[in-house]
Amino acid sequence: MPLTYGSNDGYRSRETFPGSARRPTMKEVAAVAGVSLATVSRVINAEGNVRADLVEKVHEAVALLGYRRDLTATNLRRSNRQSASIGVVVDDVANPFLAAVLRGVETVARTRGVLPLVGSSDEDAGRERELADAFLSRRVDGLIVVPTGADHSYLAVERDAGVGLVFVDRPPAFVDADCVLSDNAGGATAATGHLAAAGHRRIAFLGDRGSIFTAAERLRGYRDGLAAHGIAFDERLVRMELHDEAAAAAATAELLALADAPTALFTAQNLITVGAVERLRELGRHGRVALVGFDDLPLAAAVEPGLSVVAQDPGELGRRAAELLFARADGDGGPTRRLQVPTTLIERGSGELAP
């Protein structure tokens, strides 16, 4: 009589057993091993108290049938309901910066035997909440979120229920939770001060949407950098709400067309830097107008002159976020933390041009 396959037990095969459209169950493992179902359960869940010869028989049956443990089914029966998985919500998994953040999370998660589940919010607050709800419905042990929305109070109930919660790159709103941020203001102050130290007094700022925490912090740092060098803030040299390369290129052309045009640019986001450099080249001003960008770029050292940048450490952001999350899972009940990861000014030539 042919065996039947598929159940809610804790093991499933890598591929279906010959002659069946479904996967084997622990009952088949028990039948092949010649032991009880309870014995198979104790062996595959590493619960101990099983004779060595029976453990060997179970392992041989598992290898013969090609079984794979089904963590979802197993975790439904655990009293602590841990799923050995975490949810990670980012703007866009294709963004190189966020890919590096994810890599940092993965590096730490791997040492814990935890699987990160990842989704992109596409800067949509509704999508962010949908993803968080989807991960939580799968009973992830924690969430790491690069926030888009302006209200994260919907996560307070889950946090209070013991689900780990850490925000990265931007702080949360209306919920008290751990977060890991780059030193956005400090990096912007350093960039602006570097240009001022090279002799520039007309330094323009090109930034992202003012509602975004990182953009607002970088504008604050720019103003602090000007003040530290006795340079008055001039609103005519500030361009915000630049969403992409095209908007940045247009803003660059507009600034350089001013009667008293800036001699230096501080571009406060990687896509803005790309748009500004492209327009500088089109206008024949590349190598004449100084520039420092926020965020490093591929091939930044390959252009002439090389692009001077304020580099973040996205891998460290991800690692620190994961470490915070697992510290909470291990019982850390202390007050919420706000960690700040330093930035680094890299001099490659474009930021060292004289006026």
Protein backbone atom coordinates (compact mmCIF):
# COMPACT_ATOMS: atom_id res chain seq x y z
CA MET A 1 0.00 0.00 0.00
CA PRO A 2 1.55 3.36 -0.98
CA LEU A 3 2.50 5.83 1.73
CA THR A 4 0.59 9.13 1.97
CA TYR A 5 2.34 12.40 2.70
CA GLY A 6 1.87 15.86 4.17
CA SER A 7 0.79 16.92 7.64
CA ASN A 8 1.29 19.53 10.32
CA ASP A 9 4.26 17.73 11.90
CA GLY A 10 7.69 19.27 12.36
CA TYR A 11 9.51 17.85 9.32
CA ARG A 12 9.00 18.13 5.59
CA SER A 13 11.10 16.74 2.80
CA ARG A 14 13.38 18.65 0.46
CA GLU A 15 11.40 17.16 -2.41
CA THR A 16 8.30 14.99 -2.62
CA PHE A 17 8.64 11.25 -2.11
CA PRO A 18 8.47 9.17 -5.32
CA GLY A 19 4.94 8.43 -6.42
CA SER A 20 3.39 11.12 -4.22
CA ALA A 21 2.32 14.70 -4.79
CA ARG A 22 2.67 15.46 -1.08
CA ARG A 23 5.48 15.41 1.45
CA PRO A 24 6.17 12.78 4.11
CA THR A 25 5.20 13.09 7.79
CA MET A 26 6.87 12.16 11.04
CA LYS A 27 4.69 9.07 11.04
CA GLU A 28 6.62 7.74 8.02
CA VAL A 29 9.91 8.51 9.80
CA ALA A 30 8.66 6.55 12.81
CA ALA A 31 7.55 3.66 10.60
CA VAL A 32 10.89 3.46 8.76
CA ALA A 33 12.91 3.81 11.98
CA GLY A 34 10.74 1.35 13.88
CA VAL A 35 10.19 3.76 16.79
CA SER A 36 7.29 5.69 18.24
CA LEU A 37 6.11 9.05 16.93
CA ALA A 38 7.00 10.59 20.30
CA THR A 39 10.57 9.37 19.95
CA VAL A 40 10.87 10.91 16.47
CA SER A 41 9.53 14.20 17.81
CA ARG A 42 12.05 14.26 20.66
CA VAL A 43 14.94 13.50 18.32
CA ILE A 44 14.17 16.03 15.62
CA ASN A 45 13.40 18.73 18.20
CA ALA A 46 16.61 17.92 20.11
CA GLU A 47 14.76 17.38 23.34
CA GLY A 48 17.15 14.69 24.62
CA ASN A 49 16.30 11.66 26.79
CA VAL A 50 16.49 9.26 23.82
CA ARG A 51 18.80 6.26 23.59
CA ALA A 52 21.73 6.70 21.23
CA ASP A 53 20.74 3.72 19.07
CA LEU A 54 17.22 5.15 18.58
CA VAL A 55 18.63 8.58 17.71
CA GLU A 56 20.74 6.93 15.02
CA LYS A 57 17.73 5.05 13.61
CA VAL A 58 15.70 8.25 13.40
CA HIS A 59 18.52 10.13 11.67
CA GLU A 60 18.91 7.29 9.17
CA ALA A 61 15.18 7.39 8.40
CA VAL A 62 15.26 11.15 7.98
CA ALA A 63 18.19 10.87 5.57
CA LEU A 64 16.52 8.03 3.66
CA LEU A 65 13.24 9.90 3.20
CA GLY A 66 14.87 13.31 2.65
CA TYR A 67 12.94 15.06 5.41
CA ARG A 68 13.39 18.72 6.27
CA ARG A 69 12.29 20.30 9.48
CA ASP A 70 9.24 22.58 9.16
CA LEU A 71 9.94 25.41 11.59
CA THR A 72 6.51 26.95 11.04
CA ALA A 73 4.71 23.84 12.20
CA THR A 74 7.15 23.27 15.07
CA ASN A 75 6.93 26.82 16.36
CA LEU A 76 3.15 26.72 16.56
CA ARG A 77 3.60 24.26 19.39
CA ARG A 78 6.31 26.13 21.27
CA SER A 79 5.31 27.79 24.52
CA ASN A 80 7.54 30.81 23.85
CA ARG A 81 6.16 31.07 20.28
CA GLN A 82 9.56 32.08 18.89
CA SER A 83 9.76 31.70 15.12
CA ALA A 84 13.53 32.02 14.54
CA SER A 85 12.74 34.80 12.07
CA ILE A 86 12.67 38.60 12.04
CA GLY A 87 10.97 41.05 9.67
CA VAL A 88 12.92 43.84 8.00
CA VAL A 89 11.08 46.73 6.31
CA VAL A 90 13.14 49.08 4.11
CA ASP A 91 12.39 51.71 1.46
CA ASP A 92 13.79 49.72 -1.44
CA VAL A 93 15.85 46.53 -1.29
CA ALA A 94 17.49 47.56 -4.60
CA ASN A 95 19.02 50.68 -3.01
CA PRO A 96 22.75 49.95 -2.49
CA PHE A 97 22.76 51.75 0.87
CA LEU A 98 19.84 49.67 2.17
CA ALA A 99 21.29 46.49 0.68
CA ALA A 100 24.36 47.12 2.84
CA VAL A 101 22.12 47.70 5.89
CA LEU A 102 20.42 44.37 5.19
CA ARG A 103 23.78 42.67 4.88
CA GLY A 104 24.70 43.93 8.32
CA VAL A 105 21.45 42.59 9.77
CA GLU A 106 22.00 39.24 8.07
CA THR A 107 25.55 38.96 9.41
CA VAL A 108 24.31 39.09 13.00
CA ALA A 109 21.13 37.08 12.39
CA ARG A 110 23.12 34.21 10.89
CA THR A 111 25.06 33.74 14.13
CA ARG A 112 21.73 33.27 15.91
CA GLY A 113 20.24 30.88 13.39
CA VAL A 114 17.58 33.48 12.56
CA LEU A 115 16.11 34.12 9.12
CA PRO A 116 15.45 37.77 8.06
CA LEU A 117 12.29 38.28 6.00
CA VAL A 118 12.56 41.47 3.93
CA GLY A 119 10.10 43.77 2.14
CA SER A 120 10.20 47.19 0.43
CA SER A 121 7.81 49.97 1.51
CA ASP A 122 8.60 52.14 -1.54
CA GLU A 123 8.37 55.23 0.73
CA ASP A 124 4.66 54.47 1.17
CA ALA A 125 3.40 54.65 4.76
CA GLY A 126 0.48 52.36 4.00
CA ARG A 127 2.77 49.79 2.43
CA GLU A 128 5.09 50.00 5.42
CA ARG A 129 2.22 49.12 7.76
CA GLU A 130 1.03 46.31 5.48
CA LEU A 131 4.48 44.74 5.53
CA ALA A 132 4.80 45.08 9.29
CA ASP A 133 1.38 43.45 9.76
CA ALA A 134 2.27 40.66 7.31
CA PHE A 135 5.49 39.86 9.17
CA LEU A 136 3.79 40.02 12.56
CA SER A 137 1.03 37.68 11.36
CA ARG A 138 3.81 35.19 10.66
CA ARG A 139 4.87 35.57 14.29
CA VAL A 140 8.33 36.99 13.66
CA ASP A 141 10.31 37.50 16.84
CA GLY A 142 11.09 41.12 16.02
CA LEU A 143 10.97 43.92 13.46
CA ILE A 144 13.69 46.17 12.07
CA VAL A 145 12.16 49.13 10.23
CA VAL A 146 13.54 51.92 8.06
CA PRO A 147 10.51 54.14 8.67
CA THR A 148 8.51 55.99 6.08
CA GLY A 149 5.27 56.81 7.89
CA ALA A 150 4.76 59.66 10.35
CA ASP A 151 2.97 57.57 12.99
CA HIS A 152 4.22 54.22 14.30
CA SER A 153 1.90 53.98 17.28
CA TYR A 154 0.25 50.97 15.60
CA LEU A 155 3.31 48.95 16.71
CA ALA A 156 3.00 49.84 20.39
CA VAL A 157 0.75 46.86 21.19
CA GLU A 158 3.21 44.43 19.61
CA ARG A 159 6.14 46.05 21.41
CA ASP A 160 4.31 45.79 24.73
CA ALA A 161 3.60 42.13 23.98
CA GLY A 162 7.33 41.46 23.78
CA VAL A 163 8.03 41.72 20.06
CA GLY A 164 11.45 43.29 19.50
CA LEU A 165 11.33 46.60 17.62
CA VAL A 166 14.26 48.63 16.25
CA PHE A 167 14.23 51.53 13.78
CA VAL A 168 17.16 52.28 11.47
CA ASP A 169 18.31 55.43 9.63
CA ARG A 170 15.33 57.47 10.89
CA PRO A 171 13.70 57.54 14.35
CA PRO A 172 10.14 56.34 14.96
CA ALA A 173 7.16 58.63 15.59
CA PHE A 174 4.66 58.19 18.42
CA VAL A 175 6.17 54.97 19.75
CA ASP A 176 9.04 54.56 22.18
CA ALA A 177 11.50 52.14 20.58
CA ASP A 178 15.20 51.59 20.00
CA CYS A 179 16.78 53.21 16.94
CA VAL A 180 20.15 53.34 15.21
CA LEU A 181 21.04 56.47 13.23
CA SER A 182 23.97 57.91 11.33
CA ASP A 183 25.45 61.18 12.56
CA ASN A 184 23.69 63.13 9.81
CA ALA A 185 24.08 66.59 11.32
CA GLY A 186 27.72 66.00 12.30
CA GLY A 187 28.59 64.72 8.84
CA ALA A 188 26.94 67.71 7.17
CA THR A 189 28.74 70.11 9.51
CA ALA A 190 32.06 68.46 8.63
CA ALA A 191 31.36 68.68 4.88
CA THR A 192 30.37 72.33 5.01
CA GLY A 193 33.30 73.20 7.24
CA HIS A 194 35.66 71.40 4.87
CA LEU A 195 34.50 73.54 1.96
CA ALA A 196 34.72 76.68 4.07
CA ALA A 197 38.26 75.76 5.15
CA ALA A 198 39.20 75.60 1.45
CA GLY A 199 38.20 79.27 1.16
CA HIS A 200 34.59 79.01 -0.07
CA ARG A 201 32.06 81.54 1.24
CA ARG A 202 29.25 80.83 -1.22
CA ILE A 203 28.34 77.23 -0.43
CA ALA A 204 25.03 75.91 -1.77
CA PHE A 205 22.95 73.15 -0.19
CA LEU A 206 20.96 70.66 -2.28
CA GLY A 207 18.70 68.45 -0.19
CA ASP A 208 15.91 65.89 -0.23
CA ARG A 209 12.38 66.37 1.09
CA GLY A 210 12.36 68.49 4.23
CA SER A 211 9.88 66.12 5.90
CA ILE A 212 12.49 63.35 5.93
CA PHE A 213 14.47 63.21 9.16
CA THR A 214 17.85 62.69 7.49
CA ALA A 215 17.31 65.63 5.10
CA ALA A 216 16.33 67.95 7.94
CA GLU A 217 19.33 66.87 10.03
CA ARG A 218 21.73 67.44 7.14
CA LEU A 219 20.32 70.91 6.56
CA ARG A 220 20.80 71.63 10.26
CA GLY A 221 24.39 70.45 10.05
CA TYR A 222 24.99 72.63 7.00
CA ARG A 223 23.78 75.70 8.87
CA ASP A 224 25.95 74.80 11.86
CA GLY A 225 28.97 74.42 9.55
CA LEU A 226 28.39 77.86 8.06
CA ALA A 227 28.00 79.45 11.49
CA ALA A 228 31.18 77.81 12.78
CA HIS A 229 33.11 79.62 10.01
CA GLY A 230 31.34 82.95 10.34
CA ILE A 231 29.37 82.56 7.10
CA ALA A 232 25.83 83.95 7.04
CA PHE A 233 23.06 81.56 6.00
CA ASP A 234 21.58 82.55 2.63
CA GLU A 235 18.24 80.96 1.69
CA ARG A 236 18.92 81.70 -1.99
CA LEU A 237 21.63 79.04 -1.91
CA VAL A 238 19.35 76.29 -0.56
CA ARG A 239 17.36 73.92 -2.76
CA MET A 240 15.15 71.28 -1.10
CA GLU A 241 12.54 68.74 -2.25
CA LEU A 242 14.92 67.22 -4.78
CA HIS A 243 13.63 63.69 -5.38
CA ASP A 244 15.94 62.41 -8.11
CA GLU A 245 18.88 63.12 -10.42
CA ALA A 246 16.84 65.24 -12.83
CA ALA A 247 15.59 67.55 -10.07
CA ALA A 248 19.12 67.86 -8.70
CA ALA A 249 20.51 68.67 -12.15
CA ALA A 250 17.90 71.39 -12.66
CA ALA A 251 18.62 72.88 -9.22
CA THR A 252 22.35 72.89 -9.95
CA ALA A 253 21.85 74.79 -13.20
CA GLU A 254 19.58 77.28 -11.45
CA LEU A 255 22.11 77.93 -8.69
CA LEU A 256 25.01 78.39 -11.12
CA ALA A 257 22.93 80.88 -13.13
CA LEU A 258 22.69 83.25 -10.15
CA ALA A 259 24.48 86.57 -10.47
CA ASP A 260 26.50 85.70 -7.35
CA ALA A 261 26.71 81.97 -8.01
CA PRO A 262 28.03 79.51 -5.42
CA THR A 263 31.60 78.34 -5.74
CA ALA A 264 30.89 75.11 -3.87
CA LEU A 265 28.03 72.61 -3.53
CA PHE A 266 27.09 70.34 -0.67
CA THR A 267 24.83 67.65 -2.12
CA ALA A 268 23.07 65.94 0.76
CA GLN A 269 22.06 62.62 -0.81
CA ASN A 270 23.64 60.18 -3.28
CA LEU A 271 21.13 60.63 -6.13
CA ILE A 272 21.39 64.41 -5.74
CA THR A 273 25.16 64.13 -6.03
CA VAL A 274 24.82 62.18 -9.29
CA GLY A 275 22.46 64.79 -10.78
CA ALA A 276 24.69 67.68 -9.72
CA VAL A 277 27.83 66.10 -11.17
CA GLU A 278 26.10 65.37 -14.46
CA ARG A 279 24.97 68.98 -14.81
CA LEU A 280 28.38 70.35 -13.80
CA ARG A 281 29.91 68.30 -16.62
CA GLU A 282 27.31 69.49 -19.12
CA LEU A 283 28.06 73.11 -18.19
CA GLY A 284 31.80 72.62 -18.27
CA ARG A 285 32.06 73.47 -14.59
CA HIS A 286 33.20 70.08 -13.28
CA GLY A 287 36.62 70.57 -11.72
CA ARG A 288 35.92 74.28 -11.20
CA VAL A 289 33.02 74.20 -8.71
CA ALA A 290 33.89 72.37 -5.51
CA LEU A 291 31.55 69.60 -4.33
CA VAL A 292 31.13 67.34 -1.31
CA GLY A 293 28.35 64.76 -1.33
CA PHE A 294 26.64 62.90 1.50
CA ASP A 295 26.87 59.11 0.95
CA ASP A 296 29.64 57.40 -0.94
CA LEU A 297 29.09 56.26 -4.52
CA PRO A 298 30.44 53.48 -6.72
CA LEU A 299 33.25 54.78 -8.93
CA ALA A 300 33.48 57.98 -6.85
CA ALA A 301 37.27 57.65 -6.99
CA ALA A 302 37.29 56.90 -10.73
CA VAL A 303 36.10 60.31 -11.98
CA GLU A 304 38.43 63.30 -12.31
CA PRO A 305 38.59 64.92 -9.88
CA GLY A 306 37.45 62.19 -7.51
CA LEU A 307 34.29 62.88 -5.52
CA SER A 308 34.80 63.94 -1.93
CA VAL A 309 32.03 62.51 0.25
CA VAL A 310 30.71 62.07 3.74
CA ALA A 311 30.48 58.28 3.96
CA GLN A 312 28.02 56.49 6.18
CA ASP A 313 28.57 52.93 7.44
CA PRO A 314 25.34 51.15 6.45
CA GLY A 315 26.70 47.74 7.38
CA GLU A 316 27.35 48.96 10.90
CA LEU A 317 23.85 50.45 11.07
CA GLY A 318 22.42 47.01 10.24
CA ARG A 319 24.69 45.17 12.65
CA ARG A 320 23.94 47.49 15.54
CA ALA A 321 20.20 47.29 14.86
CA ALA A 322 20.27 43.49 14.87
CA GLU A 323 22.37 43.41 18.04
CA LEU A 324 19.85 45.68 19.78
CA LEU A 325 16.98 43.50 18.62
CA PHE A 326 18.57 40.30 19.90
CA ALA A 327 19.56 41.95 23.18
CA ARG A 328 15.86 42.63 23.77
CA ALA A 329 15.05 39.03 22.85
CA ASP A 330 17.61 37.91 25.44
CA GLY A 331 15.79 39.81 28.17
CA ASP A 332 17.27 43.32 28.13
CA GLY A 333 14.49 45.36 29.69
CA GLY A 334 16.39 48.64 30.04
CA PRO A 335 15.26 52.01 28.68
CA THR A 336 15.10 52.48 24.93
CA ARG A 337 18.34 53.37 23.22
CA ARG A 338 19.24 55.79 20.45
CA LEU A 339 22.59 54.78 18.99
CA GLN A 340 24.53 57.02 16.63
CA VAL A 341 27.01 55.67 14.09
CA PRO A 342 29.78 58.11 13.05
CA THR A 343 30.29 59.27 9.47
CA THR A 344 33.64 59.74 7.70
CA LEU A 345 34.77 62.56 5.41
CA ILE A 346 36.68 61.11 2.46
CA GLU A 347 38.81 63.60 0.51
CA ARG A 348 39.21 62.70 -3.16
CA GLY A 349 39.63 66.04 -4.92
CA SER A 350 36.26 67.64 -5.68
CA GLY A 351 35.88 69.00 -2.15
CA GLU A 352 39.39 70.42 -2.09
CA LEU A 353 39.06 72.74 -5.11
CA ALA A 354 39.78 76.39 -4.32
CA PRO A 355 37.20 79.12 -5.13
